[in-house]
């Protein structure tokens, strides 16, 4: 074998092994990113959008479509703990929700959750976080929000294994101030 051929084979083998290492690292990074994206309290800044459509409201079969813009921003407290800010900003369009009420479009009430969460999962792989949730009366139309201030607890618990994320995120909000003519919030 000539020196040029031997050199070309070595170069090709080196490049091929480098590509294999890079693709394995890329696959691992992709899997890690996929896990973080499906974790609502991951140490990753994300801005998911959630679309909902509901119909058949009230006596006039009203309908409602809304997009929740949900920025998630983690903050490191120390080597062991994060605080994760999760905001839900609803942008809504609705038609005849409250009888023949016509159309409304605009911003709904904003909810703000703060989760205190360990940076590492438990020994069993459980990821969790707890904290307060706040409701702000930011609706641009009285039919798009409750016109009440609210607060309560929130919690999330999940496990990620074999490409699956299984868990629960829950909160409960009680109103404590706002328009006295509107119903209290207990949800």
C-alpha atoms as a PDB file:
ATOM      1  CA  UNK A   1       0.000   0.000   0.000  1.00  0.00           C
ATOM      2  CA  UNK A   2       1.356   3.387  -0.913  1.00  0.00           C
ATOM      3  CA  UNK A   3       2.007   6.062   1.662  1.00  0.00           C
ATOM      4  CA  UNK A   4      -0.725   8.267   0.139  1.00  0.00           C
ATOM      5  CA  UNK A   5      -3.304   5.456   0.362  1.00  0.00           C
ATOM      6  CA  UNK A   6      -2.355   4.661   3.965  1.00  0.00           C
ATOM      7  CA  UNK A   7      -2.592   8.335   4.880  1.00  0.00           C
ATOM      8  CA  UNK A   8      -6.008   8.642   3.162  1.00  0.00           C
ATOM      9  CA  UNK A   9      -7.316   5.550   5.008  1.00  0.00           C
ATOM     10  CA  UNK A  10      -6.104   6.896   8.369  1.00  0.00           C
ATOM     11  CA  UNK A  11      -7.666  10.293   7.658  1.00  0.00           C
ATOM     12  CA  UNK A  12     -10.971   8.688   6.634  1.00  0.00           C
ATOM     13  CA  UNK A  13     -10.963   6.468   9.755  1.00  0.00           C
ATOM     14  CA  UNK A  14     -10.227   9.463  11.983  1.00  0.00           C
ATOM     15  CA  UNK A  15     -13.003  11.524  10.402  1.00  0.00           C
ATOM     16  CA  UNK A  16     -15.466   8.617  10.606  1.00  0.00           C
ATOM     17  CA  UNK A  17     -14.705   7.994  14.278  1.00  0.00           C
ATOM     18  CA  UNK A  18     -15.051  11.720  14.976  1.00  0.00           C
ATOM     19  CA  UNK A  19     -18.436  11.761  13.257  1.00  0.00           C
ATOM     20  CA  UNK A  20     -19.582   8.748  15.287  1.00  0.00           C
ATOM     21  CA  UNK A  21     -18.555  10.417  18.541  1.00  0.00           C
ATOM     22  CA  UNK A  22     -20.234  13.689  17.508  1.00  0.00           C
ATOM     23  CA  UNK A  23     -23.456  11.969  16.429  1.00  0.00           C
ATOM     24  CA  UNK A  24     -23.595   9.988  19.692  1.00  0.00           C
ATOM     25  CA  UNK A  25     -23.070  13.192  21.682  1.00  0.00           C
ATOM     26  CA  UNK A  26     -25.659  14.993  19.541  1.00  0.00           C
ATOM     27  CA  UNK A  27     -28.183  12.180  20.105  1.00  0.00           C
ATOM     28  CA  UNK A  28     -27.554  12.359  23.862  1.00  0.00           C
ATOM     29  CA  UNK A  29     -27.980  16.154  23.796  1.00  0.00           C
ATOM     30  CA  UNK A  30     -31.185  15.776  21.766  1.00  0.00           C
ATOM     31  CA  UNK A  31     -32.604  13.254  24.249  1.00  0.00           C
ATOM     32  CA  UNK A  32     -31.675  15.509  27.166  1.00  0.00           C
ATOM     33  CA  UNK A  33     -33.303  18.496  25.453  1.00  0.00           C
ATOM     34  CA  UNK A  34     -36.466  16.473  24.730  1.00  0.00           C
ATOM     35  CA  UNK A  35     -36.684  15.532  28.422  1.00  0.00           C
ATOM     36  CA  UNK A  36     -36.238  19.147  29.497  1.00  0.00           C
ATOM     37  CA  UNK A  37     -38.864  20.375  27.026  1.00  0.00           C
ATOM     38  CA  UNK A  38     -41.459  17.961  28.431  1.00  0.00           C
ATOM     39  CA  UNK A  39     -40.641  18.945  32.031  1.00  0.00           C
ATOM     40  CA  UNK A  40     -42.622  22.037  33.136  1.00  0.00           C
ATOM     41  CA  UNK A  41     -39.995  22.902  35.781  1.00  0.00           C
ATOM     42  CA  UNK A  42     -36.787  22.084  33.897  1.00  0.00           C
ATOM     43  CA  UNK A  43     -33.760  24.338  34.257  1.00  0.00           C
ATOM     44  CA  UNK A  44     -34.361  25.567  30.716  1.00  0.00           C
ATOM     45  CA  UNK A  45     -35.926  28.799  29.531  1.00  0.00           C
ATOM     46  CA  UNK A  46     -38.860  27.935  27.278  1.00  0.00           C
ATOM     47  CA  UNK A  47     -41.955  29.634  25.909  1.00  0.00           C
ATOM     48  CA  UNK A  48     -44.560  27.000  25.064  1.00  0.00           C
ATOM     49  CA  UNK A  49     -47.854  27.918  23.412  1.00  0.00           C
ATOM     50  CA  UNK A  50     -51.063  26.015  24.160  1.00  0.00           C
ATOM     51  CA  UNK A  51     -54.159  26.347  21.962  1.00  0.00           C
ATOM     52  CA  UNK A  52     -57.626  25.465  23.276  1.00  0.00           C
ATOM     53  CA  UNK A  53     -61.013  25.494  21.560  1.00  0.00           C
ATOM     54  CA  UNK A  54     -64.280  25.060  23.458  1.00  0.00           C
ATOM     55  CA  UNK A  55     -67.816  25.218  22.136  1.00  0.00           C
ATOM     56  CA  UNK A  56     -71.403  24.742  23.244  1.00  0.00           C
ATOM     57  CA  UNK A  57     -71.336  27.363  26.031  1.00  0.00           C
ATOM     58  CA  UNK A  58     -74.627  28.610  27.449  1.00  0.00           C
ATOM     59  CA  UNK A  59     -78.046  28.965  25.865  1.00  0.00           C
ATOM     60  CA  UNK A  60     -76.634  30.353  22.592  1.00  0.00           C
ATOM     61  CA  UNK A  61     -74.019  27.583  22.095  1.00  0.00           C
ATOM     62  CA  UNK A  62     -71.173  30.067  22.420  1.00  0.00           C
ATOM     63  CA  UNK A  63     -67.594  29.205  21.526  1.00  0.00           C
ATOM     64  CA  UNK A  64     -64.167  30.228  22.718  1.00  0.00           C
ATOM     65  CA  UNK A  65     -60.644  29.889  21.364  1.00  0.00           C
ATOM     66  CA  UNK A  66     -57.568  30.924  23.264  1.00  0.00           C
ATOM     67  CA  UNK A  67     -53.813  30.660  23.165  1.00  0.00           C
ATOM     68  CA  UNK A  68     -51.919  30.403  26.440  1.00  0.00           C
ATOM     69  CA  UNK A  69     -48.436  31.881  26.166  1.00  0.00           C
ATOM     70  CA  UNK A  70     -46.513  30.163  28.976  1.00  0.00           C
ATOM     71  CA  UNK A  71     -42.950  31.412  29.519  1.00  0.00           C
ATOM     72  CA  UNK A  72     -40.981  29.230  31.942  1.00  0.00           C
ATOM     73  CA  UNK A  73     -37.867  30.824  33.445  1.00  0.00           C
ATOM     74  CA  UNK A  74     -35.657  29.059  36.015  1.00  0.00           C
ATOM     75  CA  UNK A  75     -33.528  30.886  38.570  1.00  0.00           C
ATOM     76  CA  UNK A  76     -30.778  29.182  40.540  1.00  0.00           C
ATOM     77  CA  UNK A  77     -30.980  29.766  44.301  1.00  0.00           C
ATOM     78  CA  UNK A  78     -27.912  27.709  45.215  1.00  0.00           C
ATOM     79  CA  UNK A  79     -26.216  24.408  44.300  1.00  0.00           C
ATOM     80  CA  UNK A  80     -29.289  22.391  45.287  1.00  0.00           C
ATOM     81  CA  UNK A  81     -32.398  24.481  44.544  1.00  0.00           C
ATOM     82  CA  UNK A  82     -34.084  26.366  41.703  1.00  0.00           C
ATOM     83  CA  UNK A  83     -37.057  28.699  41.615  1.00  0.00           C
ATOM     84  CA  UNK A  84     -39.000  28.265  38.397  1.00  0.00           C
ATOM     85  CA  UNK A  85     -41.291  31.061  37.234  1.00  0.00           C
ATOM     86  CA  UNK A  86     -44.214  29.841  35.092  1.00  0.00           C
ATOM     87  CA  UNK A  87     -46.563  32.499  33.732  1.00  0.00           C
ATOM     88  CA  UNK A  88     -49.795  31.805  31.860  1.00  0.00           C
ATOM     89  CA  UNK A  89     -50.834  34.686  29.626  1.00  0.00           C
ATOM     90  CA  UNK A  90     -54.151  33.856  27.876  1.00  0.00           C
ATOM     91  CA  UNK A  91     -55.099  35.593  24.636  1.00  0.00           C
ATOM     92  CA  UNK A  92     -58.755  34.818  23.900  1.00  0.00           C
ATOM     93  CA  UNK A  93     -61.488  35.192  21.325  1.00  0.00           C
ATOM     94  CA  UNK A  94     -65.017  34.246  22.316  1.00  0.00           C
ATOM     95  CA  UNK A  95     -68.524  34.519  20.908  1.00  0.00           C
ATOM     96  CA  UNK A  96     -71.806  34.468  22.862  1.00  0.00           C
ATOM     97  CA  UNK A  97     -70.297  32.878  25.991  1.00  0.00           C
ATOM     98  CA  UNK A  98     -72.712  34.683  28.324  1.00  0.00           C
ATOM     99  CA  UNK A  99     -75.924  34.452  26.324  1.00  0.00           C
ATOM    100  CA  UNK A 100     -76.138  36.859  23.382  1.00  0.00           C
ATOM    101  CA  UNK A 101     -73.013  38.728  24.515  1.00  0.00           C
ATOM    102  CA  UNK A 102     -71.379  39.162  21.108  1.00  0.00           C
ATOM    103  CA  UNK A 103     -67.659  38.844  20.434  1.00  0.00           C
ATOM    104  CA  UNK A 104     -64.754  39.584  22.732  1.00  0.00           C
ATOM    105  CA  UNK A 105     -61.055  39.468  21.918  1.00  0.00           C
ATOM    106  CA  UNK A 106     -58.139  40.289  24.173  1.00  0.00           C
ATOM    107  CA  UNK A 107     -56.056  39.356  27.155  1.00  0.00           C
ATOM    108  CA  UNK A 108     -57.472  37.206  29.973  1.00  0.00           C
ATOM    109  CA  UNK A 109     -56.387  37.083  33.620  1.00  0.00           C
ATOM    110  CA  UNK A 110     -52.696  36.219  34.087  1.00  0.00           C
ATOM    111  CA  UNK A 111     -51.635  33.496  36.500  1.00  0.00           C
ATOM    112  CA  UNK A 112     -48.100  33.379  37.893  1.00  0.00           C
ATOM    113  CA  UNK A 113     -46.666  30.252  39.534  1.00  0.00           C
ATOM    114  CA  UNK A 114     -43.356  30.014  41.390  1.00  0.00           C
ATOM    115  CA  UNK A 115     -42.036  26.491  41.968  1.00  0.00           C
ATOM    116  CA  UNK A 116     -39.277  25.752  44.474  1.00  0.00           C
ATOM    117  CA  UNK A 117     -37.648  22.619  43.085  1.00  0.00           C
ATOM    118  CA  UNK A 118     -34.527  20.562  43.797  1.00  0.00           C
ATOM    119  CA  UNK A 119     -32.013  20.691  40.947  1.00  0.00           C
ATOM    120  CA  UNK A 120     -31.688  16.899  40.919  1.00  0.00           C
ATOM    121  CA  UNK A 121     -34.441  14.260  40.848  1.00  0.00           C
ATOM    122  CA  UNK A 122     -34.934  11.998  43.876  1.00  0.00           C
ATOM    123  CA  UNK A 123     -33.215   8.596  44.053  1.00  0.00           C
ATOM    124  CA  UNK A 124     -36.341   7.135  42.379  1.00  0.00           C
ATOM    125  CA  UNK A 125     -36.161   9.679  39.551  1.00  0.00           C
ATOM    126  CA  UNK A 126     -39.060  11.815  40.782  1.00  0.00           C
ATOM    127  CA  UNK A 127     -38.967  15.506  39.822  1.00  0.00           C
ATOM    128  CA  UNK A 128     -41.067  17.819  41.968  1.00  0.00           C
ATOM    129  CA  UNK A 129     -41.722  21.428  42.855  1.00  0.00           C
ATOM    130  CA  UNK A 130     -44.069  23.371  45.148  1.00  0.00           C
ATOM    131  CA  UNK A 131     -44.908  27.013  45.677  1.00  0.00           C
ATOM    132  CA  UNK A 132     -47.489  29.760  45.357  1.00  0.00           C
ATOM    133  CA  UNK A 133     -49.700  30.681  42.414  1.00  0.00           C
ATOM    134  CA  UNK A 134     -51.120  34.180  41.947  1.00  0.00           C
ATOM    135  CA  UNK A 135     -54.000  35.417  39.783  1.00  0.00           C
ATOM    136  CA  UNK A 136     -53.912  38.974  38.434  1.00  0.00           C
ATOM    137  CA  UNK A 137     -57.071  40.653  37.037  1.00  0.00           C
ATOM    138  CA  UNK A 138     -55.530  41.709  33.731  1.00  0.00           C
ATOM    139  CA  UNK A 139     -58.426  40.906  31.369  1.00  0.00           C
ATOM    140  CA  UNK A 140     -59.004  43.571  28.729  1.00  0.00           C
ATOM    141  CA  UNK A 141     -62.757  42.833  28.701  1.00  0.00           C
ATOM    142  CA  UNK A 142     -64.901  42.005  31.743  1.00  0.00           C
ATOM    143  CA  UNK A 143     -66.144  38.843  29.981  1.00  0.00           C
ATOM    144  CA  UNK A 144     -62.563  37.572  29.499  1.00  0.00           C
ATOM    145  CA  UNK A 145     -61.669  37.467  33.207  1.00  0.00           C
ATOM    146  CA  UNK A 146     -62.950  37.271  36.746  1.00  0.00           C
ATOM    147  CA  UNK A 147     -61.937  40.795  37.840  1.00  0.00           C
ATOM    148  CA  UNK A 148     -60.526  39.279  41.045  1.00  0.00           C
ATOM    149  CA  UNK A 149     -57.127  38.997  42.678  1.00  0.00           C
ATOM    150  CA  UNK A 150     -56.321  35.460  43.788  1.00  0.00           C
ATOM    151  CA  UNK A 151     -53.665  33.230  45.322  1.00  0.00           C
ATOM    152  CA  UNK A 152     -53.130  29.654  46.421  1.00  0.00           C
ATOM    153  CA  UNK A 153     -50.779  26.662  46.349  1.00  0.00           C
ATOM    154  CA  UNK A 154     -49.343  24.932  43.305  1.00  0.00           C
ATOM    155  CA  UNK A 155     -47.371  21.700  42.924  1.00  0.00           C
ATOM    156  CA  UNK A 156     -45.894  19.563  40.196  1.00  0.00           C
ATOM    157  CA  UNK A 157     -44.600  15.996  40.323  1.00  0.00           C
ATOM    158  CA  UNK A 158     -43.371  13.923  37.395  1.00  0.00           C
ATOM    159  CA  UNK A 159     -41.181  11.049  36.325  1.00  0.00           C
ATOM    160  CA  UNK A 160     -39.370  10.658  33.027  1.00  0.00           C
ATOM    161  CA  UNK A 161     -38.429   7.199  31.796  1.00  0.00           C
ATOM    162  CA  UNK A 162     -37.937   5.489  28.430  1.00  0.00           C
ATOM    163  CA  UNK A 163     -39.031   8.538  26.439  1.00  0.00           C
ATOM    164  CA  UNK A 164     -42.184   9.091  28.512  1.00  0.00           C
ATOM    165  CA  UNK A 165     -43.053  11.887  30.908  1.00  0.00           C
ATOM    166  CA  UNK A 166     -45.816  11.073  33.386  1.00  0.00           C
ATOM    167  CA  UNK A 167     -46.891  13.563  36.000  1.00  0.00           C
ATOM    168  CA  UNK A 168     -49.287  16.131  37.312  1.00  0.00           C
ATOM    169  CA  UNK A 169     -49.291  19.903  37.708  1.00  0.00           C
ATOM    170  CA  UNK A 170     -52.063  21.266  39.931  1.00  0.00           C
ATOM    171  CA  UNK A 171     -53.024  24.466  41.680  1.00  0.00           C
ATOM    172  CA  UNK A 172     -55.934  25.949  43.582  1.00  0.00           C
ATOM    173  CA  UNK A 173     -56.786  29.639  43.594  1.00  0.00           C
ATOM    174  CA  UNK A 174     -59.017  31.533  46.021  1.00  0.00           C
ATOM    175  CA  UNK A 175     -59.899  35.154  45.322  1.00  0.00           C
ATOM    176  CA  UNK A 176     -59.177  37.648  48.087  1.00  0.00           C
ATOM    177  CA  UNK A 177     -59.974  41.021  46.469  1.00  0.00           C
ATOM    178  CA  UNK A 178     -61.513  42.566  43.393  1.00  0.00           C
ATOM    179  CA  UNK A 179     -64.890  43.524  41.988  1.00  0.00           C
ATOM    180  CA  UNK A 180     -67.484  42.844  44.712  1.00  0.00           C
ATOM    181  CA  UNK A 181     -70.217  42.347  42.113  1.00  0.00           C
ATOM    182  CA  UNK A 182     -68.399  39.347  40.613  1.00  0.00           C
ATOM    183  CA  UNK A 183     -68.460  35.799  41.981  1.00  0.00           C
ATOM    184  CA  UNK A 184     -65.572  34.750  44.198  1.00  0.00           C
ATOM    185  CA  UNK A 185     -62.991  32.424  42.671  1.00  0.00           C
ATOM    186  CA  UNK A 186     -62.476  29.033  44.311  1.00  0.00           C
ATOM    187  CA  UNK A 187     -60.936  26.861  41.618  1.00  0.00           C
END
